[in-house]
Amino acid sequence: MKIEILGMGCPKCKQLYANVQEALKLSGKEAEVVKVEDMDKITDYAVMITPALVIDGVVKAAGKVLSAEEIQKLI
């Protein structure tokens, strides 16, 4: 599984990254977690507001910080 956090490094992006790490820990699953800060790559996903969460190439959420529990349900 590949999880991407789209954002330019803002506090919300950092919180989403931390929540993804917590969700993986809680679920016992492993995944490659990547921060994507390149605006061209972000717009390739048609995301206009960050932070955004992408799991295996599919945008699951944009513009909000999901909790670890919400992320756990998606993975």
C-alpha atoms as a PDB file:
ATOM      1  CA  MET A   1       0.000   0.000   0.000  1.00  0.00           C
ATOM      2  CA  LYS A   2       1.226   3.494  -0.814  1.00  0.00           C
ATOM      3  CA  ILE A   3      -0.118   6.487   1.093  1.00  0.00           C
ATOM      4  CA  GLU A   4       0.653  10.002  -0.084  1.00  0.00           C
ATOM      5  CA  ILE A   5       0.173  13.209   1.892  1.00  0.00           C
ATOM      6  CA  LEU A   6      -0.263  16.114  -0.517  1.00  0.00           C
ATOM      7  CA  GLY A   7       0.658  19.543   0.807  1.00  0.00           C
ATOM      8  CA  MET A   8       3.322  22.178   1.003  1.00  0.00           C
ATOM      9  CA  GLY A   9       4.446  21.400   4.561  1.00  0.00           C
ATOM     10  CA  CYS A  10       1.858  23.419   6.462  1.00  0.00           C
ATOM     11  CA  PRO A  11       0.915  22.474  10.050  1.00  0.00           C
ATOM     12  CA  LYS A  12      -2.236  20.692   8.833  1.00  0.00           C
ATOM     13  CA  CYS A  13      -0.166  18.639   6.392  1.00  0.00           C
ATOM     14  CA  LYS A  14       2.204  17.653   9.185  1.00  0.00           C
ATOM     15  CA  GLN A  15      -0.729  16.691  11.405  1.00  0.00           C
ATOM     16  CA  LEU A  16      -2.248  14.532   8.659  1.00  0.00           C
ATOM     17  CA  TYR A  17       1.116  12.789   8.252  1.00  0.00           C
ATOM     18  CA  ALA A  18       1.247  12.107  11.999  1.00  0.00           C
ATOM     19  CA  ASN A  19      -2.332  10.815  11.944  1.00  0.00           C
ATOM     20  CA  VAL A  20      -1.475   8.431   9.085  1.00  0.00           C
ATOM     21  CA  GLN A  21       1.441   7.080  11.104  1.00  0.00           C
ATOM     22  CA  GLU A  22      -0.852   6.587  14.112  1.00  0.00           C
ATOM     23  CA  ALA A  23      -3.521   4.873  11.986  1.00  0.00           C
ATOM     24  CA  LEU A  24      -0.960   2.433  10.609  1.00  0.00           C
ATOM     25  CA  LYS A  25       0.277   1.716  14.128  1.00  0.00           C
ATOM     26  CA  LEU A  26      -3.272   1.129  15.412  1.00  0.00           C
ATOM     27  CA  SER A  27      -4.221  -1.114  12.489  1.00  0.00           C
ATOM     28  CA  GLY A  28      -0.993  -3.096  12.483  1.00  0.00           C
ATOM     29  CA  LYS A  29      -0.652  -2.550   8.736  1.00  0.00           C
ATOM     30  CA  GLU A  30       2.411  -1.434   6.857  1.00  0.00           C
ATOM     31  CA  ALA A  31       2.531   1.080   4.028  1.00  0.00           C
ATOM     32  CA  GLU A  32       4.916   3.321   2.188  1.00  0.00           C
ATOM     33  CA  VAL A  33       4.107   6.854   3.357  1.00  0.00           C
ATOM     34  CA  VAL A  34       5.268   9.713   1.147  1.00  0.00           C
ATOM     35  CA  LYS A  35       4.985  13.473   1.533  1.00  0.00           C
ATOM     36  CA  VAL A  36       4.294  15.156  -1.808  1.00  0.00           C
ATOM     37  CA  GLU A  37       5.180  18.855  -1.789  1.00  0.00           C
ATOM     38  CA  ASP A  38       5.651  19.369  -5.550  1.00  0.00           C
ATOM     39  CA  MET A  39       2.768  21.534  -6.795  1.00  0.00           C
ATOM     40  CA  ASP A  40       2.799  19.890 -10.241  1.00  0.00           C
ATOM     41  CA  LYS A  41       2.379  16.451  -8.694  1.00  0.00           C
ATOM     42  CA  ILE A  42      -0.374  17.738  -6.407  1.00  0.00           C
ATOM     43  CA  THR A  43      -2.313  19.229  -9.323  1.00  0.00           C
ATOM     44  CA  ASP A  44      -1.881  15.948 -11.241  1.00  0.00           C
ATOM     45  CA  TYR A  45      -4.349  14.561  -8.690  1.00  0.00           C
ATOM     46  CA  ALA A  46      -6.727  17.489  -9.415  1.00  0.00           C
ATOM     47  CA  VAL A  47      -6.426  18.549  -5.761  1.00  0.00           C
ATOM     48  CA  MET A  48      -7.039  22.262  -5.288  1.00  0.00           C
ATOM     49  CA  ILE A  49      -6.931  22.421  -1.498  1.00  0.00           C
ATOM     50  CA  THR A  50      -4.509  20.729   0.835  1.00  0.00           C
ATOM     51  CA  PRO A  51      -3.838  18.719   2.831  1.00  0.00           C
ATOM     52  CA  ALA A  52      -4.998  15.727   0.832  1.00  0.00           C
ATOM     53  CA  LEU A  53      -4.763  12.007   1.471  1.00  0.00           C
ATOM     54  CA  VAL A  54      -4.104   9.623  -1.420  1.00  0.00           C
ATOM     55  CA  ILE A  55      -4.169   5.859  -0.971  1.00  0.00           C
ATOM     56  CA  ASP A  56      -2.889   3.705  -3.828  1.00  0.00           C
ATOM     57  CA  GLY A  57      -3.383   6.542  -6.306  1.00  0.00           C
ATOM     58  CA  VAL A  58      -6.945   7.418  -5.246  1.00  0.00           C
ATOM     59  CA  VAL A  59      -7.720  10.715  -3.498  1.00  0.00           C
ATOM     60  CA  LYS A  60      -9.603   9.823  -0.314  1.00  0.00           C
ATOM     61  CA  ALA A  61      -9.834  13.285   1.276  1.00  0.00           C
ATOM     62  CA  ALA A  62      -8.828  16.858   0.513  1.00  0.00           C
ATOM     63  CA  GLY A  63      -8.937  20.078   2.468  1.00  0.00           C
ATOM     64  CA  LYS A  64      -9.199  18.555   5.923  1.00  0.00           C
ATOM     65  CA  VAL A  65      -7.181  16.665   8.489  1.00  0.00           C
ATOM     66  CA  LEU A  66      -8.638  13.218   9.009  1.00  0.00           C
ATOM     67  CA  SER A  67      -8.261  11.658  12.442  1.00  0.00           C
ATOM     68  CA  ALA A  68      -6.251   8.476  12.896  1.00  0.00           C
ATOM     69  CA  GLU A  69      -9.531   6.600  13.367  1.00  0.00           C
ATOM     70  CA  GLU A  70     -10.956   7.933  10.084  1.00  0.00           C
ATOM     71  CA  ILE A  71      -7.772   7.006   8.251  1.00  0.00           C
ATOM     72  CA  GLN A  72      -7.783   3.560   9.810  1.00  0.00           C
ATOM     73  CA  LYS A  73     -11.201   2.901   8.233  1.00  0.00           C
ATOM     74  CA  LEU A  74      -9.833   3.868   4.805  1.00  0.00           C
ATOM     75  CA  ILE A  75      -6.822   1.581   4.975  1.00  0.00           C
END
